[in-house]
Amino acid sequence: MLVRLFNYIQRRESRRIEKKIGSIGRGVILNHPAQISGAGNLFLDDYVYIGPNAWISCYTKVVIKRGTIIGPRLKIYTGNHNYDSNLAIPYDNVVLAKSVVIGENVWIGGDVIIMPGVSIGEGCIVAGGAVVTKSFPPYC
């Protein structure tokens, strides 16, 4: 009985989040639980798989292109503190927002963190537990 209730709640939550996403293609699987802030800035192409416990912050655009597979516990950041401010130490109230783009047919392992402004090229593989701070060309 509890399992059925849990599954019902997860399906309901899934539909609620998917309605808010900027665009969602065919065959997308977004496992839950997932936390997506600013879901209107999230664009998922066809046949994207996102594992459970994803956390995606969409201060600005996040694009995940066709055929990408993402393991559990992904974290995507699109905003950062303004640490170069002269007004406050260590940072002020300004959020520096930069888009994240993940190319086609990318494989991202579990527990990966992707930082603001990163572009991951087509066909790249990102090892589990990686912290991606720089962009990569295709097939890395």
Protein backbone atom coordinates (compact mmCIF):
# COMPACT_ATOMS: atom_id res chain seq x y z
CA MET A 1 0.00 0.00 0.00
CA LEU A 2 2.79 2.45 0.90
CA VAL A 3 4.69 1.60 -2.30
CA ARG A 4 1.61 2.38 -4.42
CA LEU A 5 1.14 5.69 -2.60
CA PHE A 6 4.81 6.58 -3.08
CA ASN A 7 4.63 5.76 -6.82
CA TYR A 8 1.46 7.83 -7.19
CA ILE A 9 3.08 10.84 -5.53
CA GLN A 10 6.18 10.54 -7.72
CA ARG A 11 4.12 10.33 -10.94
CA ARG A 12 2.11 13.38 -9.88
CA GLU A 13 5.29 15.33 -9.07
CA SER A 14 6.80 14.27 -12.41
CA ARG A 15 3.83 15.64 -14.38
CA ARG A 16 3.90 18.88 -12.38
CA ILE A 17 7.58 19.53 -13.15
CA GLU A 18 7.33 18.47 -16.80
CA LYS A 19 4.53 21.00 -17.42
CA LYS A 20 6.86 23.83 -16.32
CA ILE A 21 9.87 22.83 -18.48
CA GLY A 22 10.63 25.24 -21.36
CA SER A 23 10.49 22.44 -23.94
CA ILE A 24 10.59 18.68 -23.67
CA GLY A 25 11.11 16.33 -26.61
CA ARG A 26 9.85 12.85 -27.37
CA GLY A 27 11.06 9.92 -25.32
CA VAL A 28 12.47 11.99 -22.46
CA ILE A 29 12.86 10.18 -19.14
CA LEU A 30 13.25 12.43 -16.11
CA ASN A 31 13.54 10.22 -13.05
CA HIS A 32 12.31 11.44 -9.71
CA PRO A 33 12.88 12.81 -7.27
CA ALA A 34 14.31 15.77 -9.18
CA GLN A 35 14.66 19.41 -8.22
CA ILE A 36 14.55 21.97 -11.01
CA SER A 37 14.49 25.67 -10.21
CA GLY A 38 13.47 27.96 -13.06
CA ALA A 39 12.21 25.01 -15.14
CA GLY A 40 11.03 27.40 -17.89
CA ASN A 41 14.72 27.83 -18.82
CA LEU A 42 15.28 24.06 -19.24
CA PHE A 43 15.18 22.70 -22.80
CA LEU A 44 15.33 18.92 -23.26
CA ASP A 45 15.66 17.48 -26.77
CA ASP A 46 14.40 14.03 -27.85
CA TYR A 47 15.45 10.84 -26.04
CA VAL A 48 17.21 12.43 -23.08
CA TYR A 49 17.55 10.29 -19.95
CA ILE A 50 18.16 11.97 -16.57
CA GLY A 51 18.76 9.71 -13.58
CA PRO A 52 17.17 10.10 -10.15
CA ASN A 53 17.96 12.87 -7.67
CA ALA A 54 18.99 15.43 -10.31
CA TRP A 55 19.33 19.04 -9.15
CA ILE A 56 19.24 21.65 -11.93
CA SER A 57 19.42 25.39 -11.27
CA CYS A 58 18.13 27.34 -14.27
CA TYR A 59 18.87 31.03 -13.60
CA THR A 60 19.40 31.11 -17.35
CA LYS A 61 19.16 28.61 -20.22
CA VAL A 62 20.10 24.93 -19.81
CA VAL A 63 20.00 22.93 -23.06
CA ILE A 64 20.39 19.15 -23.11
CA LYS A 65 20.46 17.83 -26.66
CA ARG A 66 19.23 14.63 -28.28
CA GLY A 67 20.32 11.21 -27.02
CA THR A 68 22.12 12.36 -23.87
CA ILE A 69 22.26 9.92 -20.95
CA ILE A 70 22.83 11.29 -17.44
CA GLY A 71 23.45 9.21 -14.31
CA PRO A 72 22.01 9.78 -10.84
CA ARG A 73 22.58 12.83 -8.64
CA LEU A 74 23.54 15.27 -11.41
CA LYS A 75 23.98 18.90 -10.35
CA ILE A 76 23.91 21.75 -12.88
CA TYR A 77 24.63 25.29 -11.73
CA THR A 78 23.89 28.30 -13.96
CA GLY A 79 24.45 31.01 -11.36
CA ASN A 80 27.35 32.03 -9.18
CA HIS A 81 28.03 34.76 -6.64
CA ASN A 82 29.74 37.95 -7.78
CA TYR A 83 33.01 37.30 -5.97
CA ASP A 84 34.76 40.20 -7.79
CA SER A 85 32.64 42.84 -6.08
CA ASN A 86 34.16 45.85 -4.35
CA LEU A 87 30.97 46.35 -2.34
CA ALA A 88 30.98 43.31 -0.10
CA ILE A 89 33.38 40.60 1.03
CA PRO A 90 33.39 37.72 0.06
CA TYR A 91 30.53 38.48 -2.40
CA ASP A 92 27.53 40.77 -2.94
CA ASN A 93 23.87 40.05 -3.80
CA VAL A 94 24.45 39.92 -7.58
CA VAL A 95 24.08 36.54 -9.30
CA LEU A 96 26.29 35.95 -12.33
CA ALA A 97 24.23 33.72 -14.67
CA LYS A 98 25.76 31.72 -17.54
CA SER A 99 24.06 29.13 -19.76
CA VAL A 100 24.94 25.43 -19.85
CA VAL A 101 24.75 23.42 -23.09
CA ILE A 102 25.15 19.66 -23.26
CA GLY A 103 25.58 18.35 -26.82
CA GLU A 104 24.06 15.33 -28.56
CA ASN A 105 24.81 11.79 -27.46
CA VAL A 106 26.77 12.78 -24.36
CA TRP A 107 27.19 10.27 -21.55
CA ILE A 108 27.42 11.79 -18.07
CA GLY A 109 28.16 9.52 -15.11
CA GLY A 110 26.69 9.67 -11.63
CA ASP A 111 27.42 12.44 -9.10
CA VAL A 112 28.66 14.90 -11.75
CA ILE A 113 28.63 18.65 -11.09
CA ILE A 114 28.48 21.04 -14.06
CA MET A 115 29.38 24.66 -13.36
CA PRO A 116 27.97 27.83 -15.04
CA GLY A 117 29.00 28.64 -18.61
CA VAL A 118 30.06 25.11 -19.57
CA SER A 119 29.41 23.61 -23.02
CA ILE A 120 29.98 19.89 -23.45
CA GLY A 121 30.43 18.90 -27.09
CA GLU A 122 28.70 16.11 -28.97
CA GLY A 123 29.72 12.56 -28.07
CA CYS A 124 31.69 13.46 -24.92
CA ILE A 125 31.91 11.16 -21.91
CA VAL A 126 32.04 12.71 -18.44
CA ALA A 127 33.32 10.38 -15.71
CA GLY A 128 31.28 9.82 -12.57
CA GLY A 129 32.10 12.24 -9.76
CA ALA A 130 33.64 14.83 -12.11
CA VAL A 131 33.35 18.56 -11.51
CA VAL A 132 33.13 20.16 -14.97
CA THR A 133 34.45 23.74 -14.83
CA LYS A 134 35.48 24.22 -18.49
CA SER A 135 33.91 23.58 -21.89
CA PHE A 136 34.91 20.62 -24.06
CA PRO A 137 34.89 20.16 -27.86
CA PRO A 138 33.06 17.20 -29.44
CA TYR A 139 34.22 13.62 -28.78
CA CYS A 140 36.32 14.20 -25.68
